[in-house]
Protein backbone atom coordinates (compact mmCIF):
# COMPACT_ATOMS: atom_id res chain seq x y z
CA MET A 1 2.84 -27.56 27.02
CA LYS A 2 3.47 -30.58 29.25
CA GLU A 3 7.07 -31.21 30.23
CA THR A 4 8.55 -34.19 32.06
CA VAL A 5 10.77 -33.42 35.08
CA GLN A 6 13.17 -36.07 36.38
CA ARG A 7 13.02 -35.97 40.18
CA ARG A 8 14.52 -38.78 42.34
CA GLY A 9 14.19 -41.29 39.55
CA LYS A 10 10.49 -40.64 39.03
CA SER A 11 8.73 -38.93 36.13
CA VAL A 12 6.61 -35.98 37.15
CA THR A 13 4.44 -34.23 34.59
CA SER A 14 4.08 -30.45 34.84
CA LYS A 15 2.28 -27.81 32.79
CA SER A 16 4.85 -25.08 33.17
CA GLY A 17 6.94 -23.56 30.45
CA ARG A 18 10.24 -23.87 32.41
CA VAL A 19 11.64 -25.84 35.36
CA SER A 20 14.23 -24.55 37.83
CA ARG A 21 17.25 -26.53 38.96
CA GLY A 22 15.73 -27.18 42.35
CA GLY A 23 12.70 -28.75 40.80
CA GLY A 24 10.39 -25.78 41.30
CA ILE A 25 8.07 -24.62 38.58
CA VAL A 26 8.91 -21.27 37.00
CA PRO A 27 6.02 -19.54 35.19
CA SER A 28 6.54 -18.97 31.49
CA MET A 29 7.27 -15.42 30.36
CA ARG A 30 4.82 -15.73 27.45
CA PRO A 31 1.91 -18.05 28.25
CA SER A 32 0.58 -17.73 24.71
CA THR A 33 3.63 -19.58 23.34
CA SER A 34 2.70 -22.65 25.39
CA ARG A 35 -0.78 -23.01 23.92
CA LYS A 36 -0.35 -26.15 21.85
CA THR A 37 -2.99 -28.48 20.55
CA GLU A 38 -2.55 -31.78 22.40
CA SER A 39 -5.14 -34.49 22.14
CA VAL A 40 -3.17 -37.05 24.21
CA SER A 41 -4.66 -37.40 27.68
CA ARG A 42 -4.66 -41.17 27.97
CA PRO A 43 -1.90 -43.49 29.15
CA CYS A 44 0.62 -44.80 26.63
CA SER A 45 -0.74 -47.82 24.79
CA VAL A 46 2.70 -49.50 24.84
CA CYS A 47 4.06 -48.99 28.35
CA GLY A 48 1.12 -47.41 30.18
CA SER A 49 3.00 -44.25 31.16
CA ASN A 50 1.26 -40.86 31.42
CA SER A 51 4.41 -38.84 30.72
CA TRP A 52 4.47 -37.19 27.30
CA ASP A 53 7.02 -35.07 25.44
CA THR A 54 6.10 -32.57 22.74
CA ASP A 55 8.39 -31.75 19.81
CA GLU A 56 7.37 -28.28 18.65
CA ILE A 57 9.49 -28.45 15.50
CA ARG A 58 8.16 -31.77 14.21
CA GLY A 59 4.66 -31.34 15.70
CA GLU A 60 4.73 -34.70 17.47
CA THR A 61 3.80 -35.98 20.93
CA SER A 62 5.78 -39.00 22.12
CA CYS A 63 5.99 -41.05 25.27
CA SER A 64 8.93 -40.02 27.44
CA GLU A 65 9.43 -43.60 28.67
CA CYS A 66 9.35 -45.77 25.56
CA GLY A 67 9.42 -43.19 22.76
CA TYR A 68 6.09 -44.21 21.22
CA VAL A 69 4.73 -41.42 18.96
CA ALA A 70 1.08 -40.97 19.89
CA GLU A 71 0.22 -37.88 17.83
CA GLU A 72 1.79 -36.18 14.83
CA ASN A 73 1.14 -33.16 12.59
CA MET A 74 -0.27 -31.19 15.52
CA ILE A 75 -1.60 -27.67 14.95
CA ASP A 76 -0.17 -24.81 16.97
CA LEU A 77 -3.00 -22.45 17.92
CA GLY A 78 -0.75 -20.02 19.76
CA ALA A 79 0.44 -16.65 18.54
CA GLU A 80 3.18 -16.60 15.93
CA TRP A 81 5.89 -14.64 17.74
CA THR A 82 7.99 -13.96 14.69
CA ASN A 83 10.47 -11.17 15.28
CA HIS A 84 11.07 -9.03 12.18
CA SER A 85 13.24 -6.39 13.87
CA GLY A 86 16.12 -8.56 15.04
CA GLY A 87 15.63 -7.74 18.73
CA ASP A 88 14.98 -10.02 21.68
CA ASP A 89 11.36 -9.05 22.16
CA LYS A 90 9.12 -10.93 19.77
CA SER A 91 5.89 -9.17 20.68
CA ARG A 92 3.99 -7.36 17.94
CA VAL A 93 1.57 -4.76 19.19
CA GLY A 94 0.04 -1.62 17.73
CA ALA A 95 -0.77 -0.59 14.20
CA PRO A 96 1.82 -1.13 11.45
CA SER A 97 3.98 1.76 10.36
CA THR A 98 2.88 3.76 7.33
CA LEU A 99 4.90 6.06 5.11
CA THR A 100 1.95 8.38 4.49
CA LEU A 101 2.35 9.91 7.96
CA SER A 102 5.25 12.18 8.80
CA ASP A 103 6.21 10.10 11.86
CA LYS A 104 5.20 6.82 10.15
CA GLY A 105 2.40 6.49 12.70
CA LEU A 106 4.77 5.34 15.46
CA SER A 107 4.27 8.22 17.91
CA THR A 108 1.37 8.66 20.30
CA GLU A 109 -1.40 11.11 19.51
CA ILE A 110 -4.04 13.00 21.43
CA ARG A 111 -6.95 12.83 19.05
CA ARG A 112 -9.01 15.93 18.53
CA SER A 113 -12.18 13.86 18.28
CA ASP A 114 -11.74 12.85 21.93
CA LEU A 115 -11.68 16.49 23.03
CA THR A 116 -15.06 17.61 21.75
CA SER A 117 -17.80 18.61 24.16
CA GLY A 118 -19.72 15.38 23.52
CA ALA A 119 -16.63 13.19 24.01
CA ALA A 120 -15.70 15.07 27.19
CA LYS A 121 -19.16 14.40 28.57
CA ARG A 122 -18.86 10.70 27.78
CA HIS A 123 -15.43 10.53 29.42
CA GLY A 124 -16.64 12.39 32.50
CA MET A 125 -14.32 15.36 31.98
CA SER A 126 -15.01 18.73 33.50
CA GLY A 127 -14.70 22.01 31.61
CA LYS A 128 -11.33 22.79 33.16
CA ALA A 129 -9.98 19.31 32.36
CA LEU A 130 -11.18 19.65 28.78
CA ARG A 131 -9.36 22.97 28.38
CA ASP A 132 -6.20 21.45 29.87
CA TRP A 133 -6.29 18.50 27.49
CA ARG A 134 -6.85 20.76 24.48
CA ARG A 135 -3.79 22.75 25.50
CA ARG A 136 -1.78 19.53 25.82
CA GLN A 137 -3.00 18.45 22.39
CA ARG A 138 -1.72 21.68 20.80
CA ILE A 139 1.62 21.35 22.55
CA ASP A 140 1.85 17.72 21.44
CA GLN A 141 1.24 18.64 17.79
CA ARG A 142 3.78 21.46 17.89
CA SER A 143 6.42 19.25 19.46
CA LYS A 144 6.16 16.77 16.56
CA THR A 145 6.79 19.42 13.90
CA ARG A 146 9.46 21.42 15.63
CA ASP A 147 12.17 20.88 12.99
CA SER A 148 11.85 21.84 9.34
CA ARG A 149 12.02 18.27 8.01
CA SER A 150 9.06 17.18 10.14
CA ARG A 151 6.99 20.16 9.02
CA ASN A 152 7.91 19.45 5.41
CA LEU A 153 6.91 15.79 5.65
CA ALA A 154 3.71 16.56 7.54
CA LYS A 155 2.52 18.97 4.84
CA ALA A 156 3.61 16.76 1.94
CA MET A 157 2.01 13.60 3.35
CA GLN A 158 -1.25 15.49 3.82
CA PHE A 159 -1.12 16.55 0.15
CA ILE A 160 -0.53 12.95 -0.96
CA ARG A 161 -3.34 11.55 1.22
CA ASP A 162 -5.93 14.22 0.44
CA ARG A 163 -5.20 15.00 -3.21
CA GLY A 164 -3.37 11.96 -4.58
CA ASP A 165 -6.51 9.83 -5.11
CA LEU A 166 -4.41 6.65 -5.21
CA PRO A 167 -4.95 3.13 -3.88
CA PRO A 168 -3.36 2.57 -0.46
CA GLN A 169 -0.41 0.58 -1.80
CA ILE A 170 0.41 3.12 -4.52
CA GLU A 171 -0.06 5.89 -1.96
CA GLN A 172 2.73 4.29 0.06
CA GLU A 173 4.94 4.31 -3.04
CA ALA A 174 4.28 8.01 -3.61
CA ALA A 175 5.16 8.75 0.02
CA SER A 176 8.36 6.72 -0.35
CA LEU A 177 9.31 8.66 -3.49
CA TYR A 178 8.82 11.94 -1.66
CA ARG A 179 10.98 10.81 1.25
CA HIS A 180 13.74 9.83 -1.17
CA SER A 181 13.36 13.22 -2.85
CA VAL A 182 13.88 14.92 0.51
CA ASP A 183 16.99 12.81 1.14
CA ARG A 184 18.37 13.71 -2.30
CA GLY A 185 17.69 17.41 -1.75
CA LEU A 186 15.20 17.71 -4.62
CA VAL A 187 12.69 19.61 -2.48
CA THR A 188 15.11 22.44 -1.72
CA GLY A 189 14.07 25.52 -3.70
CA ARG A 190 10.86 23.91 -4.94
CA SER A 191 7.32 23.94 -3.63
CA ILE A 192 6.13 21.07 -1.46
CA ARG A 193 2.91 20.96 -3.47
CA GLY A 194 4.79 20.58 -6.76
CA VAL A 195 7.15 17.83 -5.60
CA SER A 196 4.36 15.87 -3.92
CA ALA A 197 2.27 16.14 -7.11
CA ALA A 198 5.23 14.90 -9.15
CA CYS A 199 5.69 11.93 -6.80
CA VAL A 200 1.99 11.07 -7.10
CA TYR A 201 2.19 11.13 -10.91
CA VAL A 202 5.40 9.07 -11.03
CA ALA A 203 4.00 6.48 -8.59
CA ALA A 204 0.82 6.15 -10.67
CA ARG A 205 2.84 5.87 -13.87
CA GLU A 206 5.11 3.17 -12.45
CA ALA A 207 2.02 1.22 -11.34
CA ARG A 208 0.54 1.65 -14.85
CA ILE A 209 -2.46 3.56 -13.54
CA PRO A 210 -3.81 5.84 -16.31
CA ARG A 211 -3.28 9.34 -14.96
CA ARG A 212 -2.60 12.41 -17.11
CA ILE A 213 -0.40 15.24 -15.91
CA GLU A 214 -3.32 17.63 -16.33
CA ASP A 215 -5.44 15.47 -13.99
CA VAL A 216 -2.77 15.56 -11.29
CA ALA A 217 -2.35 19.30 -11.77
CA ASP A 218 -6.07 19.86 -11.28
CA SER A 219 -6.06 17.77 -8.09
CA PHE A 220 -3.20 19.81 -6.64
CA ASP A 221 -4.59 23.20 -7.80
CA MET A 222 -1.75 23.77 -10.27
CA THR A 223 -3.83 24.82 -13.26
CA LYS A 224 -1.83 27.90 -14.26
CA ASP A 225 0.57 27.57 -17.18
CA VAL A 226 3.53 28.41 -14.97
CA ASP A 227 2.55 25.82 -12.39
CA LEU A 228 1.92 23.17 -15.06
CA LYS A 229 5.31 23.81 -16.65
CA GLU A 230 7.00 23.59 -13.25
CA LEU A 231 5.18 20.32 -12.54
CA LYS A 232 6.41 18.75 -15.78
CA ARG A 233 9.96 19.88 -15.00
CA THR A 234 9.74 18.41 -11.49
CA ILE A 235 8.39 15.12 -12.85
CA ARG A 236 11.39 14.80 -15.17
CA LEU A 237 13.74 15.62 -12.29
CA VAL A 238 12.19 13.08 -9.89
CA SER A 239 12.13 10.39 -12.57
CA ARG A 240 15.77 10.93 -13.45
CA PHE A 241 17.12 10.97 -9.88
CA LEU A 242 14.97 8.14 -8.52
CA GLY A 243 15.23 5.80 -11.50
CA ALA A 244 11.55 5.82 -12.51
CA HIS A 245 11.81 5.38 -16.26
CA HIS A 246 8.55 3.67 -17.21
CA ILE A 247 7.07 5.18 -20.38
CA THR A 248 3.28 5.46 -20.50
CA GLY A 249 1.66 3.80 -23.51
CA PRO A 250 -1.74 4.35 -25.15
CA GLU A 251 -2.94 0.89 -24.09
CA GLU A 252 -3.00 2.05 -20.46
CA TYR A 253 -5.79 4.53 -21.27
CA PHE A 254 -8.07 2.24 -23.26
CA GLU A 255 -10.14 0.87 -20.38
CA ARG A 256 -10.45 4.23 -18.66
CA PHE A 257 -11.60 6.10 -21.78
CA HIS A 258 -13.90 3.23 -22.70
CA SER A 259 -15.53 3.42 -19.26
CA ASP A 260 -15.75 7.22 -19.24
CA LEU A 261 -17.51 7.22 -22.61
CA GLY A 262 -19.93 4.48 -21.56
CA MET A 263 -19.25 2.33 -24.61
CA LYS A 264 -20.26 -1.30 -25.02
CA PRO A 265 -17.79 -4.09 -24.11
CA ALA A 266 -17.46 -5.18 -27.75
CA ALA A 267 -15.99 -1.78 -28.64
CA LEU A 268 -13.06 -2.38 -26.28
CA GLY A 269 -12.17 -5.54 -28.18
CA ARG A 270 -12.17 -3.58 -31.44
CA VAL A 271 -9.92 -0.97 -29.83
CA ARG A 272 -7.37 -3.61 -28.93
CA GLU A 273 -7.54 -5.07 -32.45
CA LEU A 274 -6.78 -1.67 -33.99
CA TRP A 275 -3.88 -1.08 -31.63
CA SER A 276 -2.38 -4.52 -32.30
CA LEU A 277 -2.59 -3.68 -36.01
CA VAL A 278 -0.90 -0.25 -35.93
CA GLY A 279 0.82 -0.20 -32.53
CA ASP A 280 4.27 -1.19 -33.84
CA ASP A 281 4.41 1.65 -36.35
CA LEU A 282 7.05 4.30 -35.64
CA SER A 283 4.74 7.11 -36.74
CA TRP A 284 3.29 7.26 -33.23
CA GLN A 285 6.60 8.24 -31.66
CA GLY A 286 6.46 11.69 -30.11
CA LYS A 287 2.67 11.72 -30.01
CA LYS A 288 0.72 12.12 -26.80
CA PRO A 289 -0.29 8.65 -25.49
CA SER A 290 -3.70 9.83 -24.33
CA GLY A 291 -4.29 11.40 -27.76
CA ILE A 292 -3.41 8.16 -29.53
CA ALA A 293 -5.73 6.26 -27.22
CA GLY A 294 -8.46 8.84 -27.88
CA VAL A 295 -8.26 8.57 -31.67
CA ILE A 296 -8.34 4.75 -31.56
CA ILE A 297 -11.34 4.89 -29.23
CA TYR A 298 -13.03 7.32 -31.64
CA LYS A 299 -12.29 5.07 -34.63
CA ALA A 300 -13.70 2.02 -32.85
CA SER A 301 -16.81 3.94 -31.80
CA GLN A 302 -17.49 5.01 -35.38
CA GLU A 303 -17.42 1.38 -36.47
CA SER A 304 -19.81 0.32 -33.70
CA ASP A 305 -23.55 0.85 -33.35
CA SER A 306 -23.03 3.50 -30.62
CA PRO A 307 -20.70 6.14 -32.10
CA ARG A 308 -19.26 8.98 -30.02
CA THR A 309 -18.70 12.51 -31.26
CA GLN A 310 -15.29 14.12 -31.56
CA ASN A 311 -16.19 16.58 -28.82
CA GLU A 312 -16.98 13.76 -26.37
CA VAL A 313 -13.75 11.91 -27.11
CA CYS A 314 -11.69 15.10 -26.87
CA LYS A 315 -13.11 15.93 -23.44
CA VAL A 316 -12.14 12.50 -22.14
CA SER A 317 -8.68 12.29 -23.74
CA GLY A 318 -7.70 15.92 -23.13
CA ILE A 319 -6.85 16.89 -26.71
CA SER A 320 -8.36 19.33 -29.19
CA GLU A 321 -10.56 18.38 -32.12
CA VAL A 322 -7.88 19.59 -34.53
CA THR A 323 -5.36 17.20 -32.95
CA LEU A 324 -7.91 14.39 -33.07
CA ARG A 325 -8.56 14.89 -36.78
CA GLY A 326 -4.82 15.00 -37.50
CA LEU A 327 -4.24 11.75 -35.64
CA LEU A 328 -7.27 10.23 -37.37
CA LYS A 329 -5.66 10.84 -40.79
CA ILE A 330 -2.52 9.02 -39.65
CA LEU A 331 -4.58 6.15 -38.23
CA ASN A 332 -6.63 5.70 -41.41
CA GLN A 333 -3.47 5.74 -43.50
CA LYS A 334 -1.77 3.08 -41.36
CA ILE A 335 -4.85 0.87 -41.36
CA SER A 336 -5.09 1.03 -45.15
CA GLU A 337 -1.39 0.14 -45.46
CA LYS A 338 -1.73 -2.84 -43.15
CA THR A 339 -4.84 -4.21 -44.85
CA ILE A 340 -3.50 -4.01 -48.40
């Protein structure tokens, strides 16, 4: 950035960011903030002066003698030093914080991959130095999980990352739900695995991602009846205390079941037509959403040229064939009532 300095009645052009009272040039603290796009290197066409002033707010370059605007709408190619923390330092370095790590990824780490025999050879480390750094790495890991809350978060975040099978953004939501659960005291007296599984299910449900409780239970190795019952109880508790009250509907499972069964695209349109026809009926209240989606998928497949068996639909929707046939009777009755 060029800046005009008044010295003994003469205009002197400098390329410094700041000027001292005595007229000396003081280097800028952040050179990258002075990198502006200026295309004016010629004398002023009005008065012939070579002294220019730059308005960073308006993006204009004007003559400091006569005020003639030589350039406007200039592009700033420097770094955008926007401060989001409210402090004086506007620098932004390092990776962003993430809720899926116990320390949010803000602490330093001695990576285990850098302490293998091959990495030590590349870094020029001797055997004794490698053993010393491995000992420091263990001490560093233990120091980060010294209190019970840190150990709890470290284990829970690993469960959510490894077993949640969620998109990164929804994974962040699940981690946030678990942290709120810890603050509310919902984890006390309950297993970390169960609460983290409940947070994964609630986050997927709020994002309208089709995920059955049985699928989450299988991912977290909670297949026993006792574990499954405890998971459902924890899901209700987390939903009530954290205000997650979205109710899953059958329409959220249509695309997933359609893809799992390998049906043609036209069948999905027929599925949506059937649901728009009978979806407002109160007879579906209290029924399992995945079961309702399964029976509508089965009905649409029977009307298409690529039908699916009851066994195939039941495996995808997670219901029994007896339940499917019972729901099919209700569906046929409602369709006949609507078409009369």
